N, C-alpha and C. Protein backbone atom coordinates (compact mmCIF):
# COMPACT_ATOMS: atom_id res chain seq x y z
N MET A 1 71.46 56.80 134.12
CA MET A 1 72.13 57.36 132.97
C MET A 1 73.18 58.36 133.46
N ASP A 2 74.41 58.21 132.99
CA ASP A 2 75.44 59.15 133.40
C ASP A 2 75.46 60.36 132.45
N VAL A 3 76.29 61.32 132.75
CA VAL A 3 76.32 62.58 132.00
C VAL A 3 76.66 62.34 130.53
N ALA A 4 77.65 61.50 130.27
CA ALA A 4 78.05 61.23 128.89
C ALA A 4 76.90 60.61 128.10
N GLU A 5 76.20 59.66 128.70
CA GLU A 5 75.05 59.03 128.03
C GLU A 5 73.96 60.06 127.74
N PHE A 6 73.72 60.93 128.71
CA PHE A 6 72.72 61.99 128.51
C PHE A 6 73.11 62.89 127.34
N LEU A 7 74.37 63.30 127.30
CA LEU A 7 74.81 64.20 126.22
C LEU A 7 74.73 63.52 124.86
N TRP A 8 75.07 62.24 124.78
CA TRP A 8 74.93 61.52 123.52
C TRP A 8 73.47 61.43 123.10
N ARG A 9 72.59 61.15 124.07
CA ARG A 9 71.15 61.08 123.77
C ARG A 9 70.63 62.43 123.31
N GLU A 10 71.03 63.48 124.02
CA GLU A 10 70.60 64.83 123.64
C GLU A 10 71.07 65.16 122.22
N ALA A 11 72.32 64.88 121.91
CA ALA A 11 72.86 65.16 120.58
C ALA A 11 72.13 64.37 119.50
N ALA A 12 71.81 63.11 119.78
CA ALA A 12 71.10 62.28 118.80
C ALA A 12 69.71 62.84 118.52
N LEU A 13 69.01 63.26 119.57
CA LEU A 13 67.68 63.85 119.38
C LEU A 13 67.76 65.12 118.54
N LEU A 14 68.73 65.97 118.80
CA LEU A 14 68.89 67.20 118.03
C LEU A 14 69.28 66.90 116.58
N ASP A 15 70.18 65.93 116.39
CA ASP A 15 70.58 65.55 115.04
C ASP A 15 69.40 65.03 114.23
N ASP A 16 68.50 64.30 114.91
CA ASP A 16 67.32 63.75 114.24
C ASP A 16 66.21 64.76 114.06
N GLY A 17 66.37 65.95 114.64
CA GLY A 17 65.32 66.96 114.57
C GLY A 17 64.15 66.66 115.49
N SER A 18 64.37 65.82 116.49
CA SER A 18 63.32 65.44 117.44
C SER A 18 63.24 66.47 118.57
N LEU A 19 62.84 67.67 118.21
CA LEU A 19 62.86 68.77 119.18
C LEU A 19 61.90 68.56 120.34
N LYS A 20 60.74 67.98 120.08
CA LYS A 20 59.78 67.71 121.17
C LYS A 20 60.39 66.75 122.17
N ASP A 21 61.01 65.66 121.70
CA ASP A 21 61.65 64.70 122.61
C ASP A 21 62.82 65.34 123.34
N TRP A 22 63.57 66.20 122.65
CA TRP A 22 64.68 66.92 123.28
C TRP A 22 64.14 67.81 124.40
N PHE A 23 63.08 68.56 124.10
CA PHE A 23 62.48 69.45 125.09
C PHE A 23 62.00 68.67 126.32
N ASP A 24 61.48 67.48 126.11
CA ASP A 24 60.97 66.66 127.21
C ASP A 24 62.06 66.18 128.16
N LEU A 25 63.33 66.33 127.79
CA LEU A 25 64.43 65.97 128.69
C LEU A 25 64.55 66.93 129.88
N PHE A 26 63.97 68.11 129.76
CA PHE A 26 64.19 69.17 130.74
C PHE A 26 63.08 69.23 131.78
N THR A 27 63.48 69.50 133.02
CA THR A 27 62.54 69.63 134.13
C THR A 27 61.94 71.05 134.14
N GLU A 28 60.92 71.23 134.96
CA GLU A 28 60.26 72.54 135.06
C GLU A 28 61.21 73.63 135.53
N ASP A 29 62.18 73.29 136.36
CA ASP A 29 63.09 74.29 136.91
C ASP A 29 64.44 74.35 136.19
N CYS A 30 64.47 73.87 134.95
CA CYS A 30 65.74 73.81 134.21
C CYS A 30 66.28 75.20 133.85
N ARG A 31 67.56 75.21 133.60
CA ARG A 31 68.25 76.36 133.01
C ARG A 31 69.15 75.80 131.92
N TYR A 32 68.98 76.24 130.70
CA TYR A 32 69.79 75.79 129.57
C TYR A 32 70.75 76.92 129.26
N TRP A 33 72.01 76.70 129.59
CA TRP A 33 73.01 77.75 129.50
C TRP A 33 74.10 77.37 128.51
N ILE A 34 74.36 78.25 127.57
CA ILE A 34 75.49 78.11 126.65
C ILE A 34 76.36 79.34 126.86
N PRO A 35 77.48 79.17 127.57
CA PRO A 35 78.35 80.33 127.83
C PRO A 35 79.12 80.73 126.57
N MET A 36 79.53 81.97 126.50
CA MET A 36 80.36 82.42 125.39
C MET A 36 81.78 81.89 125.54
N GLU A 37 82.22 81.74 126.80
CA GLU A 37 83.54 81.21 127.10
C GLU A 37 83.45 80.33 128.34
N ASP A 38 84.29 79.31 128.42
CA ASP A 38 84.31 78.44 129.59
C ASP A 38 84.61 79.23 130.85
N GLY A 39 84.01 78.78 131.95
CA GLY A 39 84.31 79.36 133.25
C GLY A 39 83.66 80.69 133.53
N ARG A 40 82.72 81.12 132.71
CA ARG A 40 82.07 82.42 132.91
C ARG A 40 80.85 82.28 133.80
N ASP A 41 80.49 83.34 134.46
CA ASP A 41 79.33 83.39 135.35
C ASP A 41 78.15 83.97 134.57
N PRO A 42 77.05 83.21 134.42
CA PRO A 42 75.91 83.70 133.63
C PRO A 42 75.24 84.93 134.24
N ARG A 43 75.49 85.20 135.51
CA ARG A 43 74.89 86.37 136.15
C ARG A 43 75.61 87.66 135.78
N THR A 44 76.89 87.54 135.35
CA THR A 44 77.67 88.76 135.08
C THR A 44 78.27 88.81 133.68
N GLU A 45 78.18 87.73 132.93
CA GLU A 45 78.80 87.67 131.60
C GLU A 45 77.75 87.40 130.52
N MET A 46 78.06 87.81 129.31
CA MET A 46 77.20 87.53 128.17
C MET A 46 77.16 86.02 127.92
N SER A 47 76.02 85.52 127.48
CA SER A 47 75.85 84.11 127.16
C SER A 47 75.27 83.98 125.76
N ILE A 48 75.53 82.86 125.12
CA ILE A 48 74.89 82.57 123.84
C ILE A 48 73.42 82.29 124.09
N ALA A 49 73.14 81.52 125.15
CA ALA A 49 71.76 81.24 125.56
C ALA A 49 71.74 81.04 127.07
N LEU A 50 70.70 81.53 127.68
CA LEU A 50 70.43 81.30 129.09
C LEU A 50 68.91 81.25 129.22
N ASP A 51 68.36 80.04 128.99
CA ASP A 51 66.91 79.86 128.87
C ASP A 51 66.35 79.08 130.04
N ASP A 52 65.11 79.41 130.41
CA ASP A 52 64.37 78.57 131.33
C ASP A 52 63.43 77.70 130.48
N ARG A 53 62.61 76.90 131.12
CA ARG A 53 61.76 75.96 130.36
C ARG A 53 60.77 76.70 129.44
N ALA A 54 60.20 77.79 129.90
CA ALA A 54 59.25 78.53 129.06
C ALA A 54 59.94 79.08 127.81
N THR A 55 61.15 79.58 127.97
CA THR A 55 61.90 80.11 126.83
C THR A 55 62.28 78.99 125.87
N LEU A 56 62.67 77.82 126.42
CA LEU A 56 62.97 76.68 125.57
C LEU A 56 61.74 76.23 124.79
N GLU A 57 60.60 76.22 125.45
CA GLU A 57 59.35 75.83 124.77
C GLU A 57 59.05 76.79 123.62
N ASP A 58 59.24 78.07 123.86
CA ASP A 58 59.05 79.07 122.81
C ASP A 58 60.03 78.84 121.66
N ARG A 59 61.29 78.57 122.00
CA ARG A 59 62.32 78.34 120.98
C ARG A 59 61.97 77.12 120.12
N VAL A 60 61.54 76.03 120.76
CA VAL A 60 61.17 74.82 120.02
C VAL A 60 59.98 75.11 119.11
N GLY A 61 59.01 75.85 119.62
CA GLY A 61 57.85 76.20 118.79
C GLY A 61 58.24 77.00 117.56
N ARG A 62 59.14 77.96 117.74
CA ARG A 62 59.60 78.76 116.60
C ARG A 62 60.38 77.91 115.61
N LEU A 63 61.21 77.01 116.11
CA LEU A 63 62.02 76.18 115.22
C LEU A 63 61.16 75.19 114.43
N GLN A 64 60.02 74.79 114.98
CA GLN A 64 59.14 73.85 114.29
C GLN A 64 58.16 74.54 113.35
N ASP A 65 58.10 75.85 113.41
CA ASP A 65 57.20 76.60 112.53
C ASP A 65 57.73 76.55 111.10
N PRO A 66 56.90 76.09 110.15
CA PRO A 66 57.36 76.00 108.76
C PRO A 66 57.75 77.36 108.16
N ALA A 67 57.30 78.44 108.77
CA ALA A 67 57.64 79.76 108.25
C ALA A 67 59.03 80.22 108.70
N THR A 68 59.70 79.44 109.55
CA THR A 68 61.02 79.80 110.03
C THR A 68 62.07 79.26 109.06
N HIS A 69 62.17 79.89 107.91
CA HIS A 69 63.04 79.39 106.83
C HIS A 69 64.51 79.43 107.20
N SER A 70 64.93 80.41 107.97
CA SER A 70 66.36 80.52 108.29
C SER A 70 66.85 79.37 109.16
N GLN A 71 65.95 78.66 109.82
CA GLN A 71 66.35 77.56 110.68
C GLN A 71 66.39 76.22 109.95
N THR A 72 65.90 76.18 108.73
CA THR A 72 65.95 74.94 107.96
C THR A 72 67.17 74.96 107.11
C-alpha cells in the first residue's frame, strides 16, 4: 500500500466513524502529529496534536463515549 492509498483508507475510516479500525492502523511506536503550520519542528513549535499510541487510545475512548456530546 502506498502513502496515497493509506491516506484514502484512513480518511474513509474516519468518515465512517470506524475509530477502532482507524486506531488499529497505528503501530506501538507511532507518533500522530498535526502541525499548526507546514515545515515546523514538533520539538520546538506548537502542534494541533502530537500523540503517541497511548494518547490516541485515550482519544478514541473519549470520542466513543456517549457522554461526549461535543464530539457528535
